[in-house]
Amino acid sequence: MAIRYWLGVVQRDHVLRGVAGGFAQVNHGARAPLERMHGADGFVFYSPKTAYPDGEPLKEFTAIGRIADDETYQATQGPMMTGPNGDFRPWRRRVEWDHDAVATPIRPMLPSLDFTRDNRDWGYQLRRGLIEISRHDFELIRRQMRPSPEDTRRNRSSARITMAR
């Protein structure tokens, strides 16, 4: 089966929970969109805001990885598993996240991405919560989310300075 590439649209606070838990969840826990994915597919999260519903605007790619296997599973335990009726059981996919990736803004990439180039209304398609993207777009986003060795050294140095204060 050919590898496909996916872009999920989720607020950053939810992305961070998914990265910490090793999973992806889209469209309020819907199963159908996740069933289209297969093991080894590429997956990237785009976060328009920091939090739902009243978070600050963000417009960044916030996580990137690969679908770990072919199983879609339903979460049954853990924080946030109870809806108003105590019955929230979202569907998820296991993801091998790139933990070295850094969030990166979409704006500088707009002219280069297939799904945004020459499309003033590029954000409209993201309302679906999950779209398939080209390999070109996935690789471009992945490269932008990988810090250069110089950036990594600089961030570690500033982290030491911050921690020393």
C-alpha atoms as a PDB file:
ATOM      1  CA  MET A   1       0.000   0.000   0.000  1.00  0.00           C
ATOM      2  CA  ALA A   2       1.307   3.459  -0.884  1.00  0.00           C
ATOM      3  CA  ILE A   3       2.256   5.832   1.895  1.00  0.00           C
ATOM      4  CA  ARG A   4      -0.110   8.777   2.267  1.00  0.00           C
ATOM      5  CA  TYR A   5       0.260  12.021   4.183  1.00  0.00           C
ATOM      6  CA  TRP A   6      -2.264  13.663   6.469  1.00  0.00           C
ATOM      7  CA  LEU A   7      -2.753  17.046   8.103  1.00  0.00           C
ATOM      8  CA  GLY A   8      -4.950  17.164  11.201  1.00  0.00           C
ATOM      9  CA  VAL A   9      -6.273  20.457  12.535  1.00  0.00           C
ATOM     10  CA  VAL A  10      -6.332  20.613  16.333  1.00  0.00           C
ATOM     11  CA  GLN A  11      -5.674  23.306  18.925  1.00  0.00           C
ATOM     12  CA  ARG A  12      -2.171  23.153  20.440  1.00  0.00           C
ATOM     13  CA  ASP A  13      -3.276  22.130  23.949  1.00  0.00           C
ATOM     14  CA  HIS A  14      -4.908  18.994  22.517  1.00  0.00           C
ATOM     15  CA  VAL A  15      -1.910  18.298  20.269  1.00  0.00           C
ATOM     16  CA  LEU A  16       0.379  18.334  23.300  1.00  0.00           C
ATOM     17  CA  ARG A  17      -1.820  15.732  25.039  1.00  0.00           C
ATOM     18  CA  GLY A  18      -1.668  13.528  21.965  1.00  0.00           C
ATOM     19  CA  VAL A  19       2.103  13.806  21.639  1.00  0.00           C
ATOM     20  CA  ALA A  20       2.552  12.990  25.335  1.00  0.00           C
ATOM     21  CA  GLY A  21       0.230   9.982  24.971  1.00  0.00           C
ATOM     22  CA  GLY A  22       1.579   8.777  21.612  1.00  0.00           C
ATOM     23  CA  PHE A  23      -1.683   9.213  19.700  1.00  0.00           C
ATOM     24  CA  ALA A  24      -3.581  11.358  17.222  1.00  0.00           C
ATOM     25  CA  GLN A  25      -7.251  12.214  17.541  1.00  0.00           C
ATOM     26  CA  VAL A  26      -9.218  14.362  15.080  1.00  0.00           C
ATOM     27  CA  ASN A  27     -12.745  15.670  14.568  1.00  0.00           C
ATOM     28  CA  HIS A  28     -13.737  15.393  18.217  1.00  0.00           C
ATOM     29  CA  GLY A  29     -12.780  11.730  18.369  1.00  0.00           C
ATOM     30  CA  ALA A  30     -14.513  10.573  15.173  1.00  0.00           C
ATOM     31  CA  ARG A  31     -13.553   7.138  13.854  1.00  0.00           C
ATOM     32  CA  ALA A  32     -14.113   7.506  10.104  1.00  0.00           C
ATOM     33  CA  PRO A  33     -11.291   9.962   9.315  1.00  0.00           C
ATOM     34  CA  LEU A  34      -8.762   7.824  11.195  1.00  0.00           C
ATOM     35  CA  GLU A  35      -9.818   4.674   9.335  1.00  0.00           C
ATOM     36  CA  ARG A  36      -8.406   6.167   6.105  1.00  0.00           C
ATOM     37  CA  MET A  37      -4.862   6.016   7.533  1.00  0.00           C
ATOM     38  CA  HIS A  38      -2.394   3.129   7.484  1.00  0.00           C
ATOM     39  CA  GLY A  39       0.823   2.271   9.270  1.00  0.00           C
ATOM     40  CA  ALA A  40       3.816   4.356   8.068  1.00  0.00           C
ATOM     41  CA  ASP A  41       1.599   7.175   6.736  1.00  0.00           C
ATOM     42  CA  GLY A  42       2.928  10.625   7.549  1.00  0.00           C
ATOM     43  CA  PHE A  43       0.929  12.786   9.951  1.00  0.00           C
ATOM     44  CA  VAL A  44       1.278  16.446  10.903  1.00  0.00           C
ATOM     45  CA  PHE A  45      -0.837  18.609  13.195  1.00  0.00           C
ATOM     46  CA  TYR A  46      -1.651  22.217  12.356  1.00  0.00           C
ATOM     47  CA  SER A  47      -2.917  24.356  15.247  1.00  0.00           C
ATOM     48  CA  PRO A  48      -4.834  27.514  14.382  1.00  0.00           C
ATOM     49  CA  LYS A  49      -5.125  28.442  18.091  1.00  0.00           C
ATOM     50  CA  THR A  50      -3.462  27.627  21.379  1.00  0.00           C
ATOM     51  CA  ALA A  51      -6.623  26.277  23.027  1.00  0.00           C
ATOM     52  CA  TYR A  52     -10.315  25.709  22.441  1.00  0.00           C
ATOM     53  CA  PRO A  53     -12.518  27.739  22.408  1.00  0.00           C
ATOM     54  CA  ASP A  54     -10.879  31.047  23.344  1.00  0.00           C
ATOM     55  CA  GLY A  55      -7.164  30.442  22.812  1.00  0.00           C
ATOM     56  CA  GLU A  56      -4.796  32.889  21.211  1.00  0.00           C
ATOM     57  CA  PRO A  57      -4.253  32.686  17.432  1.00  0.00           C
ATOM     58  CA  LEU A  58      -1.263  30.464  16.632  1.00  0.00           C
ATOM     59  CA  LYS A  59      -1.279  29.237  12.982  1.00  0.00           C
ATOM     60  CA  GLU A  60       1.612  26.803  13.416  1.00  0.00           C
ATOM     61  CA  PHE A  61       2.468  23.222  12.577  1.00  0.00           C
ATOM     62  CA  THR A  62       2.782  21.777  16.079  1.00  0.00           C
ATOM     63  CA  ALA A  63       3.656  18.064  15.764  1.00  0.00           C
ATOM     64  CA  ILE A  64       4.816  15.621  13.108  1.00  0.00           C
ATOM     65  CA  GLY A  65       5.281  11.868  12.982  1.00  0.00           C
ATOM     66  CA  ARG A  66       4.285   8.567  11.401  1.00  0.00           C
ATOM     67  CA  ILE A  67       1.223   6.396  11.981  1.00  0.00           C
ATOM     68  CA  ALA A  68       2.551   3.476  14.053  1.00  0.00           C
ATOM     69  CA  ASP A  69       0.251   0.647  12.933  1.00  0.00           C
ATOM     70  CA  ASP A  70      -3.003  -0.202  11.186  1.00  0.00           C
ATOM     71  CA  GLU A  71      -5.219  -0.177  14.266  1.00  0.00           C
ATOM     72  CA  THR A  72      -7.786   2.469  15.115  1.00  0.00           C
ATOM     73  CA  TYR A  73      -8.694   2.175  18.791  1.00  0.00           C
ATOM     74  CA  GLN A  74     -11.202   3.689  21.168  1.00  0.00           C
ATOM     75  CA  ALA A  75      -9.947   5.355  24.335  1.00  0.00           C
ATOM     76  CA  THR A  76     -11.787   4.249  27.436  1.00  0.00           C
ATOM     77  CA  GLN A  77      -9.778   5.595  30.360  1.00  0.00           C
ATOM     78  CA  GLY A  78      -7.844   8.661  31.399  1.00  0.00           C
ATOM     79  CA  PRO A  79      -8.430  12.365  31.841  1.00  0.00           C
ATOM     80  CA  MET A  80     -11.052  14.005  29.663  1.00  0.00           C
ATOM     81  CA  MET A  81     -12.843  10.688  29.015  1.00  0.00           C
ATOM     82  CA  THR A  82     -16.124  11.825  30.453  1.00  0.00           C
ATOM     83  CA  GLY A  83     -18.496  13.980  28.457  1.00  0.00           C
ATOM     84  CA  PRO A  84     -21.668  15.546  29.829  1.00  0.00           C
ATOM     85  CA  ASN A  85     -23.182  12.064  30.088  1.00  0.00           C
ATOM     86  CA  GLY A  86     -19.951  10.352  31.148  1.00  0.00           C
ATOM     87  CA  ASP A  87     -19.723   8.693  27.758  1.00  0.00           C
ATOM     88  CA  PHE A  88     -16.943  10.377  25.763  1.00  0.00           C
ATOM     89  CA  ARG A  89     -14.901   7.577  24.159  1.00  0.00           C
ATOM     90  CA  PRO A  90     -12.845   9.076  21.305  1.00  0.00           C
ATOM     91  CA  TRP A  91     -11.203   7.096  18.515  1.00  0.00           C
ATOM     92  CA  ARG A  92      -7.442   7.395  18.111  1.00  0.00           C
ATOM     93  CA  ARG A  93      -4.418   6.242  16.128  1.00  0.00           C
ATOM     94  CA  ARG A  94      -1.009   5.466  17.591  1.00  0.00           C
ATOM     95  CA  VAL A  95       1.666   7.816  16.253  1.00  0.00           C
ATOM     96  CA  GLU A  96       5.442   7.709  16.500  1.00  0.00           C
ATOM     97  CA  TRP A  97       5.994  11.426  17.049  1.00  0.00           C
ATOM     98  CA  ASP A  98       9.210  13.227  16.183  1.00  0.00           C
ATOM     99  CA  HIS A  99       9.991  14.612  19.633  1.00  0.00           C
ATOM    100  CA  ASP A 100      12.826  16.773  18.283  1.00  0.00           C
ATOM    101  CA  ALA A 101      10.491  18.678  15.958  1.00  0.00           C
ATOM    102  CA  VAL A 102       9.753  22.294  16.832  1.00  0.00           C
ATOM    103  CA  ALA A 103       6.546  24.184  16.112  1.00  0.00           C
ATOM    104  CA  THR A 104       6.832  26.358  13.035  1.00  0.00           C
ATOM    105  CA  PRO A 105       4.534  29.017  11.561  1.00  0.00           C
ATOM    106  CA  ILE A 106       2.662  28.317   8.351  1.00  0.00           C
ATOM    107  CA  ARG A 107       2.811  31.864   6.958  1.00  0.00           C
ATOM    108  CA  PRO A 108       6.356  31.686   5.449  1.00  0.00           C
ATOM    109  CA  MET A 109       5.448  28.397   3.744  1.00  0.00           C
ATOM    110  CA  LEU A 110       2.179  29.528   2.134  1.00  0.00           C
ATOM    111  CA  PRO A 111       3.708  30.190  -1.326  1.00  0.00           C
ATOM    112  CA  SER A 112       5.496  26.805  -1.313  1.00  0.00           C
ATOM    113  CA  LEU A 113       2.877  24.341  -0.047  1.00  0.00           C
ATOM    114  CA  ASP A 114       0.705  22.613  -2.642  1.00  0.00           C
ATOM    115  CA  PHE A 115      -2.427  22.961  -0.519  1.00  0.00           C
ATOM    116  CA  THR A 116      -1.979  26.720   0.018  1.00  0.00           C
ATOM    117  CA  ARG A 117      -0.153  28.021  -3.078  1.00  0.00           C
ATOM    118  CA  ASP A 118      -2.314  30.290  -5.227  1.00  0.00           C
ATOM    119  CA  ASN A 119      -5.243  29.775  -2.857  1.00  0.00           C
ATOM    120  CA  ARG A 120      -6.311  32.860  -0.900  1.00  0.00           C
ATOM    121  CA  ASP A 121      -8.906  30.779   0.956  1.00  0.00           C
ATOM    122  CA  TRP A 122      -6.532  27.940   1.895  1.00  0.00           C
ATOM    123  CA  GLY A 123      -7.821  27.840   5.467  1.00  0.00           C
ATOM    124  CA  TYR A 124     -11.352  26.955   4.404  1.00  0.00           C
ATOM    125  CA  GLN A 125     -10.408  23.357   3.552  1.00  0.00           C
ATOM    126  CA  LEU A 126      -8.979  22.913   7.054  1.00  0.00           C
ATOM    127  CA  ARG A 127     -12.456  23.161   8.551  1.00  0.00           C
ATOM    128  CA  ARG A 128     -12.865  19.453   7.739  1.00  0.00           C
ATOM    129  CA  GLY A 129     -10.367  18.712  10.525  1.00  0.00           C
ATOM    130  CA  LEU A 130      -8.297  16.284   8.448  1.00  0.00           C
ATOM    131  CA  ILE A 131      -7.046  16.588   4.891  1.00  0.00           C
ATOM    132  CA  GLU A 132      -4.709  14.536   2.764  1.00  0.00           C
ATOM    133  CA  ILE A 133      -1.599  16.449   1.686  1.00  0.00           C
ATOM    134  CA  SER A 134       1.107  15.738  -0.842  1.00  0.00           C
ATOM    135  CA  ARG A 135       4.437  14.143  -0.037  1.00  0.00           C
ATOM    136  CA  HIS A 136       6.037  17.428  -1.108  1.00  0.00           C
ATOM    137  CA  ASP A 137       4.068  19.332   1.521  1.00  0.00           C
ATOM    138  CA  PHE A 138       4.789  16.770   4.243  1.00  0.00           C
ATOM    139  CA  GLU A 139       8.533  16.795   3.542  1.00  0.00           C
ATOM    140  CA  LEU A 140       8.663  20.604   3.392  1.00  0.00           C
ATOM    141  CA  ILE A 141       6.857  20.870   6.735  1.00  0.00           C
ATOM    142  CA  ARG A 142       9.094  18.173   8.246  1.00  0.00           C
ATOM    143  CA  ARG A 143      12.249  19.998   7.151  1.00  0.00           C
ATOM    144  CA  GLN A 144      10.979  23.270   8.596  1.00  0.00           C
ATOM    145  CA  MET A 145      10.110  21.608  11.899  1.00  0.00           C
ATOM    146  CA  ARG A 146      13.588  20.093  12.290  1.00  0.00           C
ATOM    147  CA  PRO A 147      15.881  22.531  14.078  1.00  0.00           C
ATOM    148  CA  SER A 148      19.335  22.993  12.630  1.00  0.00           C
ATOM    149  CA  PRO A 149      22.231  21.865  14.879  1.00  0.00           C
ATOM    150  CA  GLU A 150      23.028  25.541  15.510  1.00  0.00           C
ATOM    151  CA  ASP A 151      19.444  26.250  16.646  1.00  0.00           C
ATOM    152  CA  THR A 152      19.537  23.200  18.911  1.00  0.00           C
ATOM    153  CA  ARG A 153      22.767  24.360  20.556  1.00  0.00           C
ATOM    154  CA  ARG A 154      21.411  27.904  20.956  1.00  0.00           C
ATOM    155  CA  ASN A 155      18.162  26.636  22.536  1.00  0.00           C
ATOM    156  CA  ARG A 156      20.038  24.376  24.939  1.00  0.00           C
ATOM    157  CA  SER A 157      22.323  27.245  25.952  1.00  0.00           C
ATOM    158  CA  SER A 158      19.387  29.572  26.606  1.00  0.00           C
ATOM    159  CA  ALA A 159      17.612  26.786  28.523  1.00  0.00           C
ATOM    160  CA  ARG A 160      20.662  26.430  30.794  1.00  0.00           C
ATOM    161  CA  ILE A 161      20.714  30.182  31.320  1.00  0.00           C
ATOM    162  CA  THR A 162      17.008  30.213  32.152  1.00  0.00           C
ATOM    163  CA  MET A 163      17.345  27.308  34.551  1.00  0.00           C
ATOM    164  CA  ALA A 164      20.347  28.912  36.284  1.00  0.00           C
ATOM    165  CA  ARG A 165      18.410  32.063  37.165  1.00  0.00           C
END
